Amino acid sequence: MTFVSIVVVRPAHILAKIVLAALIISGLLNHAQTQGQPAMQVRDLYPLITTPRLIETRDFYVRNFGFEVAFEADWFLYLVGPAEEASRGATLAFMHPNHPSNPPGPESFDGKGMILTVEVSDAANVFERFSEAGAPIVHPLTDEDWGQRRFMTRDPAGVLVDIVQQIEPKAGYWDQYMSK
C-alpha cells in the first residue's frame, strides 16, 4: 500500500502570517464569548464532494494516499488519511448525486473551482510513485519561486489535487509582499 505522509513545515515568513491570522481569529472568538455567546467548537472539517464515481474515487485515495475507509454506503464515502507524528490525519467525504438524504443541492462536482492541497515531506518521491502507478499528472513536478515543490493530479471525481512540499523560496521573492 502506498501512502503519503502529511507534514506541516513552513518558512518563517509564512509562519508569521499564520500566527497573525490565528491571533486575529482568536480575537474574534474572544469577542463572541464576551457577547454572551460560546465560541464554536469544531470537531472535524472536511469537504463533501458529490460524484457518481464513488468506487473509483475511493480506490484512488486508498491506493495513492493510504487513506482508509471509515464509513461506506452505496451513496456515501468517508475516508481518513494516515497521520504523521502528533497530527490527526486528513478526512474527505464523497456523496453520490442520488443520495437519500436529499439536502438542497449539491449538484455533481464538475471539476472546476476547487483544488485540494496535500502537503507532504517529499513531493519528488510522491511524484515518482504517482507517475509509476499511472495517476494522471496534470501539472509536472515544479519548484515554485514562492517556496513550494509541487505537482498536480486529478482524482476520478474531478477534483484537482495539488501535492506540495514546502521548500526555501527564491531569495527576495516574498519581499514584494511585505509591508513597508
C-alpha atoms as a PDB file:
ATOM      1  CA  MET A   1       0.000   0.000   0.000  1.00  0.00           C
ATOM      2  CA  THR A   2       1.361   3.413  -0.995  1.00  0.00           C
ATOM      3  CA  PHE A   3       0.692   6.343   1.286  1.00  0.00           C
ATOM      4  CA  VAL A   4       1.632   9.983   1.638  1.00  0.00           C
ATOM      5  CA  SER A   5       2.683  11.436   4.968  1.00  0.00           C
ATOM      6  CA  ILE A   6       1.328  14.895   5.600  1.00  0.00           C
ATOM      7  CA  VAL A   7       3.711  17.229   7.395  1.00  0.00           C
ATOM      8  CA  VAL A   8       3.488  20.906   8.234  1.00  0.00           C
ATOM      9  CA  VAL A   9       6.794  22.721   7.668  1.00  0.00           C
ATOM     10  CA  ARG A  10       6.671  26.339   6.599  1.00  0.00           C
ATOM     11  CA  PRO A  11       9.278  29.049   6.052  1.00  0.00           C
ATOM     12  CA  ALA A  12       9.403  31.603   8.864  1.00  0.00           C
ATOM     13  CA  HIS A  13       7.719  34.408   6.893  1.00  0.00           C
ATOM     14  CA  ILE A  14       4.710  32.210   6.126  1.00  0.00           C
ATOM     15  CA  LEU A  15       4.597  31.023   9.741  1.00  0.00           C
ATOM     16  CA  ALA A  16       4.476  34.659  10.882  1.00  0.00           C
ATOM     17  CA  LYS A  17       1.426  35.264   8.684  1.00  0.00           C
ATOM     18  CA  ILE A  18      -0.255  32.155  10.077  1.00  0.00           C
ATOM     19  CA  VAL A  19       0.398  33.289  13.653  1.00  0.00           C
ATOM     20  CA  LEU A  20      -1.045  36.724  12.829  1.00  0.00           C
ATOM     21  CA  ALA A  21      -4.158  35.130  11.332  1.00  0.00           C
ATOM     22  CA  ALA A  22      -4.537  32.915  14.420  1.00  0.00           C
ATOM     23  CA  LEU A  23      -4.318  35.971  16.678  1.00  0.00           C
ATOM     24  CA  ILE A  24      -6.989  37.746  14.638  1.00  0.00           C
ATOM     25  CA  ILE A  25      -9.275  34.708  14.736  1.00  0.00           C
ATOM     26  CA  SER A  26      -8.614  34.293  18.456  1.00  0.00           C
ATOM     27  CA  GLY A  27      -9.665  37.906  18.975  1.00  0.00           C
ATOM     28  CA  LEU A  28     -12.871  37.274  17.053  1.00  0.00           C
ATOM     29  CA  LEU A  29     -13.598  34.180  19.133  1.00  0.00           C
ATOM     30  CA  ASN A  30     -12.924  36.067  22.350  1.00  0.00           C
ATOM     31  CA  HIS A  31     -15.223  38.853  21.110  1.00  0.00           C
ATOM     32  CA  ALA A  32     -18.001  36.295  20.539  1.00  0.00           C
ATOM     33  CA  GLN A  33     -17.502  34.954  24.054  1.00  0.00           C
ATOM     34  CA  THR A  34     -17.713  38.440  25.545  1.00  0.00           C
ATOM     35  CA  GLN A  35     -21.045  38.956  23.780  1.00  0.00           C
ATOM     36  CA  GLY A  36     -22.509  36.064  25.801  1.00  0.00           C
ATOM     37  CA  GLN A  37     -22.091  33.524  23.017  1.00  0.00           C
ATOM     38  CA  PRO A  38     -19.854  30.494  23.478  1.00  0.00           C
ATOM     39  CA  ALA A  39     -17.121  30.027  20.896  1.00  0.00           C
ATOM     40  CA  MET A  40     -17.911  27.372  18.315  1.00  0.00           C
ATOM     41  CA  GLN A  41     -16.103  24.087  18.937  1.00  0.00           C
ATOM     42  CA  VAL A  42     -15.237  22.290  15.665  1.00  0.00           C
ATOM     43  CA  ARG A  43     -14.801  18.517  15.905  1.00  0.00           C
ATOM     44  CA  ASP A  44     -13.998  17.952  12.229  1.00  0.00           C
ATOM     45  CA  LEU A  45     -13.971  19.865   8.964  1.00  0.00           C
ATOM     46  CA  TYR A  46     -13.886  18.160   5.587  1.00  0.00           C
ATOM     47  CA  PRO A  47     -15.085  18.689   2.046  1.00  0.00           C
ATOM     48  CA  LEU A  48     -18.127  16.707   0.908  1.00  0.00           C
ATOM     49  CA  ILE A  49     -17.822  16.240  -2.841  1.00  0.00           C
ATOM     50  CA  THR A  50     -20.737  14.979  -4.903  1.00  0.00           C
ATOM     51  CA  THR A  51     -19.776  12.474  -7.588  1.00  0.00           C
ATOM     52  CA  PRO A  52     -21.297   9.412  -9.247  1.00  0.00           C
ATOM     53  CA  ARG A  53     -17.796   7.812  -9.230  1.00  0.00           C
ATOM     54  CA  LEU A  54     -17.588   6.741  -5.571  1.00  0.00           C
ATOM     55  CA  ILE A  55     -15.794   3.423  -6.106  1.00  0.00           C
ATOM     56  CA  GLU A  56     -13.123   4.868  -8.408  1.00  0.00           C
ATOM     57  CA  THR A  57     -12.615   7.830  -6.078  1.00  0.00           C
ATOM     58  CA  ARG A  58     -12.324   5.541  -3.030  1.00  0.00           C
ATOM     59  CA  ASP A  59      -9.750   3.396  -4.806  1.00  0.00           C
ATOM     60  CA  PHE A  60      -7.742   6.466  -5.920  1.00  0.00           C
ATOM     61  CA  TYR A  61      -7.321   7.784  -2.346  1.00  0.00           C
ATOM     62  CA  VAL A  62      -6.741   4.345  -0.799  1.00  0.00           C
ATOM     63  CA  ARG A  63      -4.150   3.347  -3.421  1.00  0.00           C
ATOM     64  CA  ASN A  64      -2.284   6.658  -3.779  1.00  0.00           C
ATOM     65  CA  PHE A  65      -2.617   8.263  -0.340  1.00  0.00           C
ATOM     66  CA  GLY A  66      -3.085   5.316   2.019  1.00  0.00           C
ATOM     67  CA  PHE A  67      -6.494   6.537   3.169  1.00  0.00           C
ATOM     68  CA  GLU A  68      -8.743   4.091   4.994  1.00  0.00           C
ATOM     69  CA  VAL A  69     -12.480   3.771   4.589  1.00  0.00           C
ATOM     70  CA  ALA A  70     -14.081   4.890   7.856  1.00  0.00           C
ATOM     71  CA  PHE A  71     -17.647   4.578   6.539  1.00  0.00           C
ATOM     72  CA  GLU A  72     -19.067   3.478   3.213  1.00  0.00           C
ATOM     73  CA  ALA A  73     -22.578   3.100   1.863  1.00  0.00           C
ATOM     74  CA  ASP A  74     -23.718   2.886  -1.748  1.00  0.00           C
ATOM     75  CA  TRP A  75     -24.350   6.660  -1.654  1.00  0.00           C
ATOM     76  CA  PHE A  76     -21.710   7.984   0.822  1.00  0.00           C
ATOM     77  CA  LEU A  77     -17.987   7.522   1.435  1.00  0.00           C
ATOM     78  CA  TYR A  78     -15.937   8.875   4.369  1.00  0.00           C
ATOM     79  CA  LEU A  79     -12.146   8.465   4.194  1.00  0.00           C
ATOM     80  CA  VAL A  80      -9.452   9.038   6.823  1.00  0.00           C
ATOM     81  CA  GLY A  81      -5.822   9.602   5.896  1.00  0.00           C
ATOM     82  CA  PRO A  82      -2.787   8.422   7.830  1.00  0.00           C
ATOM     83  CA  ALA A  83      -1.432  10.811  10.442  1.00  0.00           C
ATOM     84  CA  GLU A  84       2.180  11.842  10.841  1.00  0.00           C
ATOM     85  CA  GLU A  85       3.591  12.182  14.350  1.00  0.00           C
ATOM     86  CA  ALA A  86       1.158  14.141  16.546  1.00  0.00           C
ATOM     87  CA  SER A  87      -1.185  15.170  13.715  1.00  0.00           C
ATOM     88  CA  ARG A  88      -4.676  13.770  13.296  1.00  0.00           C
ATOM     89  CA  GLY A  89      -4.598  12.995   9.582  1.00  0.00           C
ATOM     90  CA  ALA A  90      -6.964  14.266   6.926  1.00  0.00           C
ATOM     91  CA  THR A  91     -10.579  13.390   6.203  1.00  0.00           C
ATOM     92  CA  LEU A  92     -12.565  13.504   2.966  1.00  0.00           C
ATOM     93  CA  ALA A  93     -16.147  12.642   2.146  1.00  0.00           C
ATOM     94  CA  PHE A  94     -17.880  11.885  -1.151  1.00  0.00           C
ATOM     95  CA  MET A  95     -21.589  11.541  -1.864  1.00  0.00           C
ATOM     96  CA  HIS A  96     -23.469  10.111  -4.835  1.00  0.00           C
ATOM     97  CA  PRO A  97     -25.826  12.601  -6.535  1.00  0.00           C
ATOM     98  CA  ASN A  98     -28.743  10.176  -5.945  1.00  0.00           C
ATOM     99  CA  HIS A  99     -28.271  10.157  -2.163  1.00  0.00           C
ATOM    100  CA  PRO A 100     -31.306   9.569   0.091  1.00  0.00           C
ATOM    101  CA  SER A 101     -30.571  12.449   2.494  1.00  0.00           C
ATOM    102  CA  ASN A 102     -31.680  14.896  -0.201  1.00  0.00           C
ATOM    103  CA  PRO A 103     -30.473  18.241   1.199  1.00  0.00           C
ATOM    104  CA  PRO A 104     -30.736  21.301  -1.033  1.00  0.00           C
ATOM    105  CA  GLY A 105     -28.121  20.781  -3.750  1.00  0.00           C
ATOM    106  CA  PRO A 106     -25.425  19.848  -4.169  1.00  0.00           C
ATOM    107  CA  GLU A 107     -25.072  19.216  -7.835  1.00  0.00           C
ATOM    108  CA  SER A 108     -22.415  16.785  -9.023  1.00  0.00           C
ATOM    109  CA  PHE A 109     -18.982  18.353  -8.903  1.00  0.00           C
ATOM    110  CA  ASP A 110     -17.916  19.449 -12.385  1.00  0.00           C
ATOM    111  CA  GLY A 111     -14.161  19.582 -11.771  1.00  0.00           C
ATOM    112  CA  LYS A 112     -13.978  23.382 -11.682  1.00  0.00           C
ATOM    113  CA  GLY A 113     -13.348  25.799  -8.862  1.00  0.00           C
ATOM    114  CA  MET A 114     -11.717  23.520  -6.299  1.00  0.00           C
ATOM    115  CA  ILE A 115      -8.157  22.474  -5.523  1.00  0.00           C
ATOM    116  CA  LEU A 116      -7.422  20.031  -2.734  1.00  0.00           C
ATOM    117  CA  THR A 117      -3.920  20.717  -1.394  1.00  0.00           C
ATOM    118  CA  VAL A 118      -1.997  17.884   0.236  1.00  0.00           C
ATOM    119  CA  GLU A 119       1.254  18.847   1.949  1.00  0.00           C
ATOM    120  CA  VAL A 120       3.937  16.155   2.008  1.00  0.00           C
ATOM    121  CA  SER A 121       7.552  15.959   3.145  1.00  0.00           C
ATOM    122  CA  ASP A 122       8.969  14.724  -0.205  1.00  0.00           C
ATOM    123  CA  ALA A 123       6.998  15.763  -3.302  1.00  0.00           C
ATOM    124  CA  ALA A 124       9.573  14.310  -5.726  1.00  0.00           C
ATOM    125  CA  ASN A 125       9.210  10.844  -4.201  1.00  0.00           C
ATOM    126  CA  VAL A 126       5.412  11.085  -4.279  1.00  0.00           C
ATOM    127  CA  PHE A 127       5.550  12.289  -7.894  1.00  0.00           C
ATOM    128  CA  GLU A 128       7.580   9.208  -8.855  1.00  0.00           C
ATOM    129  CA  ARG A 129       5.121   6.880  -7.110  1.00  0.00           C
ATOM    130  CA  PHE A 130       2.098   8.548  -8.723  1.00  0.00           C
ATOM    131  CA  SER A 131       3.741   8.501 -12.161  1.00  0.00           C
ATOM    132  CA  GLU A 132       4.652   4.814 -11.829  1.00  0.00           C
ATOM    133  CA  ALA A 133       1.109   3.998 -10.664  1.00  0.00           C
ATOM    134  CA  GLY A 134      -0.351   5.707 -13.751  1.00  0.00           C
ATOM    135  CA  ALA A 135      -2.139   8.511 -11.875  1.00  0.00           C
ATOM    136  CA  PRO A 136      -2.920  11.410 -14.224  1.00  0.00           C
ATOM    137  CA  ILE A 137      -0.318  14.187 -13.919  1.00  0.00           C
ATOM    138  CA  VAL A 138      -1.911  17.495 -14.951  1.00  0.00           C
ATOM    139  CA  HIS A 139       0.959  19.747 -13.766  1.00  0.00           C
ATOM    140  CA  PRO A 140       4.546  18.453 -13.686  1.00  0.00           C
ATOM    141  CA  LEU A 141       6.828  18.454 -10.672  1.00  0.00           C
ATOM    142  CA  THR A 142       7.952  22.083 -10.379  1.00  0.00           C
ATOM    143  CA  ASP A 143       9.919  24.177  -7.890  1.00  0.00           C
ATOM    144  CA  GLU A 144       7.947  27.401  -7.471  1.00  0.00           C
ATOM    145  CA  ASP A 145       9.620  30.730  -6.653  1.00  0.00           C
ATOM    146  CA  TRP A 146       7.344  31.232  -3.632  1.00  0.00           C
ATOM    147  CA  GLY A 147       8.748  28.151  -1.861  1.00  0.00           C
ATOM    148  CA  GLN A 148       6.894  25.037  -2.930  1.00  0.00           C
ATOM    149  CA  ARG A 149       7.876  21.924  -4.853  1.00  0.00           C
ATOM    150  CA  ARG A 150       4.622  20.653  -6.316  1.00  0.00           C
ATOM    151  CA  PHE A 151       2.737  18.683  -8.914  1.00  0.00           C
ATOM    152  CA  MET A 152      -0.943  18.189  -9.606  1.00  0.00           C
ATOM    153  CA  THR A 153      -3.157  15.220 -10.351  1.00  0.00           C
ATOM    154  CA  ARG A 154      -6.918  14.838 -10.751  1.00  0.00           C
ATOM    155  CA  ASP A 155      -8.995  12.294  -8.870  1.00  0.00           C
ATOM    156  CA  PRO A 156     -11.825  10.306 -10.516  1.00  0.00           C
ATOM    157  CA  ALA A 157     -14.417  12.728  -9.061  1.00  0.00           C
ATOM    158  CA  GLY A 158     -12.737  15.564 -10.999  1.00  0.00           C
ATOM    159  CA  VAL A 159     -11.045  17.226  -8.009  1.00  0.00           C
ATOM    160  CA  LEU A 160      -7.720  18.851  -8.823  1.00  0.00           C
ATOM    161  CA  VAL A 161      -5.209  17.598  -6.208  1.00  0.00           C
ATOM    162  CA  ASP A 162      -2.143  19.805  -5.610  1.00  0.00           C
ATOM    163  CA  ILE A 163       0.631  17.885  -3.865  1.00  0.00           C
ATOM    164  CA  VAL A 164       3.091  20.313  -2.281  1.00  0.00           C
ATOM    165  CA  GLN A 165       6.294  20.286  -0.269  1.00  0.00           C
ATOM    166  CA  GLN A 166       7.451  23.456   1.458  1.00  0.00           C
ATOM    167  CA  ILE A 167      10.960  24.456   0.295  1.00  0.00           C
ATOM    168  CA  GLU A 168      13.035  27.615   0.549  1.00  0.00           C
ATOM    169  CA  PRO A 169      11.595  30.397  -1.609  1.00  0.00           C
ATOM    170  CA  LYS A 170      13.688  32.150  -4.243  1.00  0.00           C
ATOM    171  CA  ALA A 171      15.817  34.792  -2.489  1.00  0.00           C
ATOM    172  CA  GLY A 172      13.830  38.010  -2.153  1.00  0.00           C
ATOM    173  CA  TYR A 173      10.591  36.565  -3.577  1.00  0.00           C
ATOM    174  CA  TRP A 174       8.415  37.452  -0.556  1.00  0.00           C
ATOM    175  CA  ASP A 175       9.931  40.930  -0.153  1.00  0.00           C
ATOM    176  CA  GLN A 176       7.474  42.306  -2.701  1.00  0.00           C
ATOM    177  CA  TYR A 177       4.580  41.340  -0.416  1.00  0.00           C
ATOM    178  CA  MET A 178       5.945  42.614   2.885  1.00  0.00           C
ATOM    179  CA  SER A 179       4.522  45.782   4.399  1.00  0.00           C
ATOM    180  CA  LYS A 180       6.941  48.679   4.296  1.00  0.00           C
END
